Amino acid sequence: FICENCMLKFEIIDDIPDFLPDDA
């Protein structure tokens, strides 16, 4: 998942989005 406003990429691990800010 990518936020074009923040320019952050959030990975999906084992079909679970990782939305922890430290992991972005």
mmCIF file of all heavy atoms, coordinates in Angstrom:
data_MODEL
# 
_entry.id   MODEL 
# 
loop_
_atom_site.group_PDB 
_atom_site.id 
_atom_site.type_symbol 
_atom_site.label_atom_id 
_atom_site.label_alt_id 
_atom_site.label_comp_id 
_atom_site.label_asym_id 
_atom_site.label_entity_id 
_atom_site.label_seq_id 
_atom_site.pdbx_PDB_ins_code 
_atom_site.Cartn_x 
_atom_site.Cartn_y 
_atom_site.Cartn_z 
_atom_site.occupancy 
_atom_site.B_iso_or_equiv 
_atom_site.pdbx_formal_charge 
_atom_site.auth_seq_id 
_atom_site.auth_comp_id 
_atom_site.auth_asym_id 
_atom_site.auth_atom_id 
_atom_site.pdbx_PDB_model_num 
ATOM 1   N N   . PHE A 1 1  ? 0.866  -1.169  0.000  1.00 0.00 ? 1  PHE A N   1 
ATOM 2   C CA  . PHE A 1 1  ? 0.000  0.000   0.000  1.00 0.00 ? 1  PHE A CA  1 
ATOM 3   C C   . PHE A 1 1  ? 0.902  1.218   0.000  1.00 0.00 ? 1  PHE A C   1 
ATOM 4   O O   . PHE A 1 1  ? 1.904  1.256   0.710  1.00 0.00 ? 1  PHE A O   1 
ATOM 5   C CB  . PHE A 1 1  ? -0.906 0.024   1.246  1.00 0.00 ? 1  PHE A CB  1 
ATOM 6   C CG  . PHE A 1 1  ? -2.060 -0.911  1.161  1.00 0.00 ? 1  PHE A CG  1 
ATOM 7   C CD1 . PHE A 1 1  ? -2.019 -2.135  1.798  1.00 0.00 ? 1  PHE A CD1 1 
ATOM 8   C CD2 . PHE A 1 1  ? -3.203 -0.579  0.451  1.00 0.00 ? 1  PHE A CD2 1 
ATOM 9   C CE1 . PHE A 1 1  ? -3.092 -3.011  1.724  1.00 0.00 ? 1  PHE A CE1 1 
ATOM 10  C CE2 . PHE A 1 1  ? -4.269 -1.448  0.372  1.00 0.00 ? 1  PHE A CE2 1 
ATOM 11  C CZ  . PHE A 1 1  ? -4.223 -2.666  1.015  1.00 0.00 ? 1  PHE A CZ  1 
ATOM 12  N N   . ILE A 1 2  ? 0.536  2.233   -0.784 1.00 0.00 ? 2  ILE A N   1 
ATOM 13  C CA  . ILE A 1 2  ? 1.339  3.434   -0.883 1.00 0.00 ? 2  ILE A CA  1 
ATOM 14  C C   . ILE A 1 2  ? 0.459  4.648   -0.633 1.00 0.00 ? 2  ILE A C   1 
ATOM 15  O O   . ILE A 1 2  ? -0.625 4.763   -1.194 1.00 0.00 ? 2  ILE A O   1 
ATOM 16  C CB  . ILE A 1 2  ? 1.991  3.552   -2.271 1.00 0.00 ? 2  ILE A CB  1 
ATOM 17  C CG1 . ILE A 1 2  ? 2.937  2.373   -2.473 1.00 0.00 ? 2  ILE A CG1 1 
ATOM 18  C CG2 . ILE A 1 2  ? 2.723  4.883   -2.426 1.00 0.00 ? 2  ILE A CG2 1 
ATOM 19  C CD1 . ILE A 1 2  ? 3.494  2.240   -3.846 1.00 0.00 ? 2  ILE A CD1 1 
ATOM 20  N N   . CYS A 1 3  ? 0.967  5.543   0.216  1.00 0.00 ? 3  CYS A N   1 
ATOM 21  C CA  . CYS A 1 3  ? 0.306  6.826   0.425  1.00 0.00 ? 3  CYS A CA  1 
ATOM 22  C C   . CYS A 1 3  ? 1.054  7.849   -0.419 1.00 0.00 ? 3  CYS A C   1 
ATOM 23  O O   . CYS A 1 3  ? 2.237  8.115   -0.178 1.00 0.00 ? 3  CYS A O   1 
ATOM 24  C CB  . CYS A 1 3  ? 0.349  7.225   1.900  1.00 0.00 ? 3  CYS A CB  1 
ATOM 25  S SG  . CYS A 1 3  ? -0.371 8.863   2.165  1.00 0.00 ? 3  CYS A SG  1 
ATOM 26  N N   . GLU A 1 4  ? 0.368  8.393   -1.412 1.00 0.00 ? 4  GLU A N   1 
ATOM 27  C CA  . GLU A 1 4  ? 1.003  9.373   -2.287 1.00 0.00 ? 4  GLU A CA  1 
ATOM 28  C C   . GLU A 1 4  ? 1.164  10.724  -1.608 1.00 0.00 ? 4  GLU A C   1 
ATOM 29  O O   . GLU A 1 4  ? 1.983  11.531  -2.019 1.00 0.00 ? 4  GLU A O   1 
ATOM 30  C CB  . GLU A 1 4  ? 0.222  9.517   -3.585 1.00 0.00 ? 4  GLU A CB  1 
ATOM 31  C CG  . GLU A 1 4  ? 0.277  8.252   -4.435 1.00 0.00 ? 4  GLU A CG  1 
ATOM 32  C CD  . GLU A 1 4  ? -0.434 8.390   -5.749 1.00 0.00 ? 4  GLU A CD  1 
ATOM 33  O OE1 . GLU A 1 4  ? 0.209  8.841   -6.719 1.00 0.00 ? 4  GLU A OE1 1 
ATOM 34  O OE2 . GLU A 1 4  ? -1.631 8.045   -5.801 1.00 0.00 ? 4  GLU A OE2 1 
ATOM 35  N N   . ASN A 1 5  ? 0.396  10.981  -0.547 1.00 0.00 ? 5  ASN A N   1 
ATOM 36  C CA  . ASN A 1 5  ? 0.550  12.233  0.206  1.00 0.00 ? 5  ASN A CA  1 
ATOM 37  C C   . ASN A 1 5  ? 1.828  12.207  1.032  1.00 0.00 ? 5  ASN A C   1 
ATOM 38  O O   . ASN A 1 5  ? 2.598  13.162  1.030  1.00 0.00 ? 5  ASN A O   1 
ATOM 39  C CB  . ASN A 1 5  ? -0.645 12.472  1.139  1.00 0.00 ? 5  ASN A CB  1 
ATOM 40  C CG  . ASN A 1 5  ? -1.923 12.713  0.388  1.00 0.00 ? 5  ASN A CG  1 
ATOM 41  O OD1 . ASN A 1 5  ? -1.934 13.281  -0.694 1.00 0.00 ? 5  ASN A OD1 1 
ATOM 42  N ND2 . ASN A 1 5  ? -3.022 12.268  0.960  1.00 0.00 ? 5  ASN A ND2 1 
ATOM 43  N N   . CYS A 1 6  ? 2.033  11.142  1.770  1.00 0.00 ? 6  CYS A N   1 
ATOM 44  C CA  . CYS A 1 6  ? 3.193  11.007  2.661  1.00 0.00 ? 6  CYS A CA  1 
ATOM 45  C C   . CYS A 1 6  ? 4.396  10.391  1.954  1.00 0.00 ? 6  CYS A C   1 
ATOM 46  O O   . CYS A 1 6  ? 5.501  10.423  2.493  1.00 0.00 ? 6  CYS A O   1 
ATOM 47  C CB  . CYS A 1 6  ? 2.851  10.122  3.856  1.00 0.00 ? 6  CYS A CB  1 
ATOM 48  S SG  . CYS A 1 6  ? 1.514  10.718  4.887  1.00 0.00 ? 6  CYS A SG  1 
ATOM 49  N N   . MET A 1 7  ? 4.152  9.790   0.796  1.00 0.00 ? 7  MET A N   1 
ATOM 50  C CA  . MET A 1 7  ? 5.184  9.041   0.063  1.00 0.00 ? 7  MET A CA  1 
ATOM 51  C C   . MET A 1 7  ? 5.756  7.933   0.942  1.00 0.00 ? 7  MET A C   1 
ATOM 52  O O   . MET A 1 7  ? 6.966  7.746   1.053  1.00 0.00 ? 7  MET A O   1 
ATOM 53  C CB  . MET A 1 7  ? 6.284  9.962   -0.467 1.00 0.00 ? 7  MET A CB  1 
ATOM 54  C CG  . MET A 1 7  ? 5.796  10.927  -1.536 1.00 0.00 ? 7  MET A CG  1 
ATOM 55  S SD  . MET A 1 7  ? 5.049  10.124  -2.991 1.00 0.00 ? 7  MET A SD  1 
ATOM 56  C CE  . MET A 1 7  ? 6.488  9.461   -3.804 1.00 0.00 ? 7  MET A CE  1 
ATOM 57  N N   . LEU A 1 8  ? 4.841  7.181   1.563  1.00 0.00 ? 8  LEU A N   1 
ATOM 58  C CA  . LEU A 1 8  ? 5.213  6.038   2.389  1.00 0.00 ? 8  LEU A CA  1 
ATOM 59  C C   . LEU A 1 8  ? 4.702  4.763   1.753  1.00 0.00 ? 8  LEU A C   1 
ATOM 60  O O   . LEU A 1 8  ? 3.600  4.730   1.191  1.00 0.00 ? 8  LEU A O   1 
ATOM 61  C CB  . LEU A 1 8  ? 4.627  6.170   3.792  1.00 0.00 ? 8  LEU A CB  1 
ATOM 62  C CG  . LEU A 1 8  ? 5.216  7.250   4.681  1.00 0.00 ? 8  LEU A CG  1 
ATOM 63  C CD1 . LEU A 1 8  ? 4.426  7.338   5.978  1.00 0.00 ? 8  LEU A CD1 1 
ATOM 64  C CD2 . LEU A 1 8  ? 6.679  6.985   4.970  1.00 0.00 ? 8  LEU A CD2 1 
ATOM 65  N N   . LYS A 1 9  ? 5.511  3.706   1.869  1.00 0.00 ? 9  LYS A N   1 
ATOM 66  C CA  . LYS A 1 9  ? 5.129  2.388   1.352  1.00 0.00 ? 9  LYS A CA  1 
ATOM 67  C C   . LYS A 1 9  ? 4.955  1.455   2.540  1.00 0.00 ? 9  LYS A C   1 
ATOM 68  O O   . LYS A 1 9  ? 5.832  1.333   3.392  1.00 0.00 ? 9  LYS A O   1 
ATOM 69  C CB  . LYS A 1 9  ? 6.216  1.864   0.422  1.00 0.00 ? 9  LYS A CB  1 
ATOM 70  C CG  . LYS A 1 9  ? 5.918  0.494   -0.148 1.00 0.00 ? 9  LYS A CG  1 
ATOM 71  C CD  . LYS A 1 9  ? 6.894  0.115   -1.241 1.00 0.00 ? 9  LYS A CD  1 
ATOM 72  C CE  . LYS A 1 9  ? 8.120  -0.512  -0.652 1.00 0.00 ? 9  LYS A CE  1 
ATOM 73  N NZ  . LYS A 1 9  ? 9.005  -1.131  -1.644 1.00 0.00 ? 9  LYS A NZ  1 
ATOM 74  N N   . PHE A 1 10 ? 3.803  0.803   2.597  1.00 0.00 ? 10 PHE A N   1 
ATOM 75  C CA  . PHE A 1 10 ? 3.477  -0.142  3.654  1.00 0.00 ? 10 PHE A CA  1 
ATOM 76  C C   . PHE A 1 10 ? 3.433  -1.545  3.052  1.00 0.00 ? 10 PHE A C   1 
ATOM 77  O O   . PHE A 1 10 ? 2.662  -1.796  2.128  1.00 0.00 ? 10 PHE A O   1 
ATOM 78  C CB  . PHE A 1 10 ? 2.115  0.200   4.285  1.00 0.00 ? 10 PHE A CB  1 
ATOM 79  C CG  . PHE A 1 10 ? 2.064  1.587   4.865  1.00 0.00 ? 10 PHE A CG  1 
ATOM 80  C CD1 . PHE A 1 10 ? 1.584  2.655   4.125  1.00 0.00 ? 10 PHE A CD1 1 
ATOM 81  C CD2 . PHE A 1 10 ? 2.500  1.826   6.154  1.00 0.00 ? 10 PHE A CD2 1 
ATOM 82  C CE1 . PHE A 1 10 ? 1.532  3.931   4.649  1.00 0.00 ? 10 PHE A CE1 1 
ATOM 83  C CE2 . PHE A 1 10 ? 2.466  3.093   6.688  1.00 0.00 ? 10 PHE A CE2 1 
ATOM 84  C CZ  . PHE A 1 10 ? 1.982  4.153   5.932  1.00 0.00 ? 10 PHE A CZ  1 
ATOM 85  N N   . GLU A 1 11 ? 4.261  -2.416  3.551  1.00 0.00 ? 11 GLU A N   1 
ATOM 86  C CA  . GLU A 1 11 ? 4.349  -3.785  3.040  1.00 0.00 ? 11 GLU A CA  1 
ATOM 87  C C   . GLU A 1 11 ? 3.140  -4.619  3.477  1.00 0.00 ? 11 GLU A C   1 
ATOM 88  O O   . GLU A 1 11 ? 2.504  -4.333  4.491  1.00 0.00 ? 11 GLU A O   1 
ATOM 89  C CB  . GLU A 1 11 ? 5.618  -4.464  3.556  1.00 0.00 ? 11 GLU A CB  1 
ATOM 90  C CG  . GLU A 1 11 ? 6.899  -3.772  3.146  1.00 0.00 ? 11 GLU A CG  1 
ATOM 91  C CD  . GLU A 1 11 ? 7.240  -3.943  1.682  1.00 0.00 ? 11 GLU A CD  1 
ATOM 92  O OE1 . GLU A 1 11 ? 6.805  -4.937  1.069  1.00 0.00 ? 11 GLU A OE1 1 
ATOM 93  O OE2 . GLU A 1 11 ? 7.945  -3.076  1.147  1.00 0.00 ? 11 GLU A OE2 1 
ATOM 94  N N   . ILE A 1 12 ? 2.866  -5.663  2.715  1.00 0.00 ? 12 ILE A N   1 
ATOM 95  C CA  . ILE A 1 12 ? 1.861  -6.656  3.077  1.00 0.00 ? 12 ILE A CA  1 
ATOM 96  C C   . ILE A 1 12 ? 2.612  -7.954  3.317  1.00 0.00 ? 12 ILE A C   1 
ATOM 97  O O   . ILE A 1 12 ? 3.297  -8.452  2.428  1.00 0.00 ? 12 ILE A O   1 
ATOM 98  C CB  . ILE A 1 12 ? 0.810  -6.830  1.966  1.00 0.00 ? 12 ILE A CB  1 
ATOM 99  C CG1 . ILE A 1 12 ? 0.094  -5.510  1.727  1.00 0.00 ? 12 ILE A CG1 1 
ATOM 100 C CG2 . ILE A 1 12 ? -0.170 -7.944  2.325  1.00 0.00 ? 12 ILE A CG2 1 
ATOM 101 C CD1 . ILE A 1 12 ? -0.815 -5.517  0.521  1.00 0.00 ? 12 ILE A CD1 1 
ATOM 102 N N   . ILE A 1 13 ? 2.499  -8.474  4.530  1.00 0.00 ? 13 ILE A N   1 
ATOM 103 C CA  . ILE A 1 13 ? 3.230  -9.676  4.920  1.00 0.00 ? 13 ILE A CA  1 
ATOM 104 C C   . ILE A 1 13 ? 2.217  -10.759 5.273  1.00 0.00 ? 13 ILE A C   1 
ATOM 105 O O   . ILE A 1 13 ? 1.396  -10.572 6.172  1.00 0.00 ? 13 ILE A O   1 
ATOM 106 C CB  . ILE A 1 13 ? 4.159  -9.386  6.114  1.00 0.00 ? 13 ILE A CB  1 
ATOM 107 C CG1 . ILE A 1 13 ? 5.117  -8.253  5.739  1.00 0.00 ? 13 ILE A CG1 1 
ATOM 108 C CG2 . ILE A 1 13 ? 4.915  -10.644 6.533  1.00 0.00 ? 13 ILE A CG2 1 
ATOM 109 C CD1 . ILE A 1 13 ? 5.800  -7.597  6.897  1.00 0.00 ? 13 ILE A CD1 1 
ATOM 110 N N   . ASP A 1 14 ? 2.272  -11.881 4.559  1.00 0.00 ? 14 ASP A N   1 
ATOM 111 C CA  . ASP A 1 14 ? 1.324  -12.983 4.767  1.00 0.00 ? 14 ASP A CA  1 
ATOM 112 C C   . ASP A 1 14 ? -0.124 -12.504 4.725  1.00 0.00 ? 14 ASP A C   1 
ATOM 113 O O   . ASP A 1 14 ? -0.932 -12.826 5.584  1.00 0.00 ? 14 ASP A O   1 
ATOM 114 C CB  . ASP A 1 14 ? 1.612  -13.694 6.091  1.00 0.00 ? 14 ASP A CB  1 
ATOM 115 C CG  . ASP A 1 14 ? 2.957  -14.379 6.110  1.00 0.00 ? 14 ASP A CG  1 
ATOM 116 O OD1 . ASP A 1 14 ? 3.407  -14.830 5.036  1.00 0.00 ? 14 ASP A OD1 1 
ATOM 117 O OD2 . ASP A 1 14 ? 3.567  -14.469 7.194  1.00 0.00 ? 14 ASP A OD2 1 
ATOM 118 N N   . ASP A 1 15 ? -0.426 -11.679 3.717  1.00 0.00 ? 15 ASP A N   1 
ATOM 119 C CA  . ASP A 1 15 ? -1.770 -11.126 3.502  1.00 0.00 ? 15 ASP A CA  1 
ATOM 120 C C   . ASP A 1 15 ? -2.229 -10.175 4.599  1.00 0.00 ? 15 ASP A C   1 
ATOM 121 O O   . ASP A 1 15 ? -3.427 -9.887  4.716  1.00 0.00 ? 15 ASP A O   1 
ATOM 122 C CB  . ASP A 1 15 ? -2.808 -12.234 3.319  1.00 0.00 ? 15 ASP A CB  1 
ATOM 123 C CG  . ASP A 1 15 ? -2.624 -12.989 2.017  1.00 0.00 ? 15 ASP A CG  1 
ATOM 124 O OD1 . ASP A 1 15 ? -2.090 -12.396 1.062  1.00 0.00 ? 15 ASP A OD1 1 
ATOM 125 O OD2 . ASP A 1 15 ? -3.015 -14.167 1.951  1.00 0.00 ? 15 ASP A OD2 1 
ATOM 126 N N   . ILE A 1 16 ? -1.309 -9.662  5.402  1.00 0.00 ? 16 ILE A N   1 
ATOM 127 C CA  . ILE A 1 16 ? -1.646 -8.715  6.468  1.00 0.00 ? 16 ILE A CA  1 
ATOM 128 C C   . ILE A 1 16 ? -0.881 -7.418  6.226  1.00 0.00 ? 16 ILE A C   1 
ATOM 129 O O   . ILE A 1 16 ? 0.351  -7.418  6.233  1.00 0.00 ? 16 ILE A O   1 
ATOM 130 C CB  . ILE A 1 16 ? -1.298 -9.283  7.859  1.00 0.00 ? 16 ILE A CB  1 
ATOM 131 C CG1 . ILE A 1 16 ? -2.072 -10.579 8.092  1.00 0.00 ? 16 ILE A CG1 1 
ATOM 132 C CG2 . ILE A 1 16 ? -1.610 -8.257  8.956  1.00 0.00 ? 16 ILE A CG2 1 
ATOM 133 C CD1 . ILE A 1 16 ? -1.643 -11.341 9.312  1.00 0.00 ? 16 ILE A CD1 1 
ATOM 134 N N   . PRO A 1 17 ? -1.597 -6.300  6.012  1.00 0.00 ? 17 PRO A N   1 
ATOM 135 C CA  . PRO A 1 17 ? -0.904 -5.025  5.828  1.00 0.00 ? 17 PRO A CA  1 
ATOM 136 C C   . PRO A 1 17 ? -0.194 -4.603  7.118  1.00 0.00 ? 17 PRO A C   1 
ATOM 137 O O   . PRO A 1 17 ? -0.753 -4.700  8.203  1.00 0.00 ? 17 PRO A O   1 
ATOM 138 C CB  . PRO A 1 17 ? -2.033 -4.042  5.503  1.00 0.00 ? 17 PRO A CB  1 
ATOM 139 C CG  . PRO A 1 17 ? -3.199 -4.882  5.118  1.00 0.00 ? 17 PRO A CG  1 
ATOM 140 C CD  . PRO A 1 17 ? -3.041 -6.180  5.839  1.00 0.00 ? 17 PRO A CD  1 
ATOM 141 N N   . ASP A 1 18 ? 1.041  -4.160  6.980  1.00 0.00 ? 18 ASP A N   1 
ATOM 142 C CA  . ASP A 1 18 ? 1.828  -3.682  8.116  1.00 0.00 ? 18 ASP A CA  1 
ATOM 143 C C   . ASP A 1 18 ? 1.777  -2.158  8.108  1.00 0.00 ? 18 ASP A C   1 
ATOM 144 O O   . ASP A 1 18 ? 2.515  -1.507  7.388  1.00 0.00 ? 18 ASP A O   1 
ATOM 145 C CB  . ASP A 1 18 ? 3.274  -4.177  8.001  1.00 0.00 ? 18 ASP A CB  1 
ATOM 146 C CG  . ASP A 1 18 ? 4.157  -3.703  9.143  1.00 0.00 ? 18 ASP A CG  1 
ATOM 147 O OD1 . ASP A 1 18 ? 3.657  -3.025  10.058 1.00 0.00 ? 18 ASP A OD1 1 
ATOM 148 O OD2 . ASP A 1 18 ? 5.361  -4.018  9.113  1.00 0.00 ? 18 ASP A OD2 1 
ATOM 149 N N   . PHE A 1 19 ? 0.889  -1.599  8.911  1.00 0.00 ? 19 PHE A N   1 
ATOM 150 C CA  . PHE A 1 19 ? 0.710  -0.155  8.960  1.00 0.00 ? 19 PHE A CA  1 
ATOM 151 C C   . PHE A 1 19 ? 1.421  0.495   10.144 1.00 0.00 ? 19 PHE A C   1 
ATOM 152 O O   . PHE A 1 19 ? 1.093  1.616   10.515 1.00 0.00 ? 19 PHE A O   1 
ATOM 153 C CB  . PHE A 1 19 ? -0.783 0.197   8.981  1.00 0.00 ? 19 PHE A CB  1 
ATOM 154 C CG  . PHE A 1 19 ? -1.468 -0.025  7.660  1.00 0.00 ? 19 PHE A CG  1 
ATOM 155 C CD1 . PHE A 1 19 ? -2.588 -0.822  7.575  1.00 0.00 ? 19 PHE A CD1 1 
ATOM 156 C CD2 . PHE A 1 19 ? -0.995 0.564   6.498  1.00 0.00 ? 19 PHE A CD2 1 
ATOM 157 C CE1 . PHE A 1 19 ? -3.230 -1.034  6.361  1.00 0.00 ? 19 PHE A CE1 1 
ATOM 158 C CE2 . PHE A 1 19 ? -1.624 0.356   5.284  1.00 0.00 ? 19 PHE A CE2 1 
ATOM 159 C CZ  . PHE A 1 19 ? -2.746 -0.437  5.217  1.00 0.00 ? 19 PHE A CZ  1 
ATOM 160 N N   . LEU A 1 20 ? 2.394  -0.191  10.717 1.00 0.00 ? 20 LEU A N   1 
ATOM 161 C CA  . LEU A 1 20 ? 3.169  0.418   11.793 1.00 0.00 ? 20 LEU A CA  1 
ATOM 162 C C   . LEU A 1 20 ? 4.066  1.500   11.186 1.00 0.00 ? 20 LEU A C   1 
ATOM 163 O O   . LEU A 1 20 ? 4.845  1.226   10.274 1.00 0.00 ? 20 LEU A O   1 
ATOM 164 C CB  . LEU A 1 20 ? 4.016  -0.625  12.515 1.00 0.00 ? 20 LEU A CB  1 
ATOM 165 C CG  . LEU A 1 20 ? 3.236  -1.707  13.266 1.00 0.00 ? 20 LEU A CG  1 
ATOM 166 C CD1 . LEU A 1 20 ? 4.190  -2.766  13.806 1.00 0.00 ? 20 LEU A CD1 1 
ATOM 167 C CD2 . LEU A 1 20 ? 2.429  -1.093  14.385 1.00 0.00 ? 20 LEU A CD2 1 
ATOM 168 N N   . PRO A 1 21 ? 3.966  2.726   11.686 1.00 0.00 ? 21 PRO A N   1 
ATOM 169 C CA  . PRO A 1 21 ? 4.763  3.822   11.107 1.00 0.00 ? 21 PRO A CA  1 
ATOM 170 C C   . PRO A 1 21 ? 6.266  3.548   11.090 1.00 0.00 ? 21 PRO A C   1 
ATOM 171 O O   . PRO A 1 21 ? 6.952  3.933   10.145 1.00 0.00 ? 21 PRO A O   1 
ATOM 172 C CB  . PRO A 1 21 ? 4.434  5.011   12.008 1.00 0.00 ? 21 PRO A CB  1 
ATOM 173 C CG  . PRO A 1 21 ? 3.077  4.691   12.543 1.00 0.00 ? 21 PRO A CG  1 
ATOM 174 C CD  . PRO A 1 21 ? 3.048  3.192   12.710 1.00 0.00 ? 21 PRO A CD  1 
ATOM 175 N N   . ASP A 1 22 ? 6.783  2.866   12.085 1.00 0.00 ? 22 ASP A N   1 
ATOM 176 C CA  . ASP A 1 22 ? 8.220  2.564   12.121 1.00 0.00 ? 22 ASP A CA  1 
ATOM 177 C C   . ASP A 1 22 ? 8.645  1.580   11.035 1.00 0.00 ? 22 ASP A C   1 
ATOM 178 O O   . ASP A 1 22 ? 9.814  1.544   10.656 1.00 0.00 ? 22 ASP A O   1 
ATOM 179 C CB  . ASP A 1 22 ? 8.626  2.007   13.482 1.00 0.00 ? 22 ASP A CB  1 
ATOM 180 C CG  . ASP A 1 22 ? 8.572  3.056   14.584 1.00 0.00 ? 22 ASP A CG  1 
ATOM 181 O OD1 . ASP A 1 22 ? 8.568  4.266   14.255 1.00 0.00 ? 22 ASP A OD1 1 
ATOM 182 O OD2 . ASP A 1 22 ? 8.536  2.673   15.760 1.00 0.00 ? 22 ASP A OD2 1 
ATOM 183 N N   . ASP A 1 23 ? 7.709  0.788   10.529 1.00 0.00 ? 23 ASP A N   1 
ATOM 184 C CA  . ASP A 1 23 ? 8.015  -0.192  9.487  1.00 0.00 ? 23 ASP A CA  1 
ATOM 185 C C   . ASP A 1 23 ? 7.825  0.359   8.076  1.00 0.00 ? 23 ASP A C   1 
ATOM 186 O O   . ASP A 1 23 ? 8.276  -0.247  7.108  1.00 0.00 ? 23 ASP A O   1 
ATOM 187 C CB  . ASP A 1 23 ? 7.138  -1.439  9.650  1.00 0.00 ? 23 ASP A CB  1 
ATOM 188 C CG  . ASP A 1 23 ? 7.458  -2.214  10.914 1.00 0.00 ? 23 ASP A CG  1 
ATOM 189 O OD1 . ASP A 1 23 ? 8.533  -1.989  11.504 1.00 0.00 ? 23 ASP A OD1 1 
ATOM 190 O OD2 . ASP A 1 23 ? 6.623  -3.055  11.312 1.00 0.00 ? 23 ASP A OD2 1 
ATOM 191 N N   . ALA A 1 24 ? 7.141  1.498   7.952  1.00 0.00 ? 24 ALA A N   1 
ATOM 192 C CA  . ALA A 1 24 ? 6.894  2.095   6.634  1.00 0.00 ? 24 ALA A CA  1 
ATOM 193 C C   . ALA A 1 24 ? 8.211  2.570   6.023  1.00 0.00 ? 24 ALA A C   1 
ATOM 194 O O   . ALA A 1 24 ? 9.137  2.951   6.736  1.00 0.00 ? 24 ALA A O   1 
ATOM 195 C CB  . ALA A 1 24 ? 5.927  3.260   6.762  1.00 0.00 ? 24 ALA A CB  1 
# 
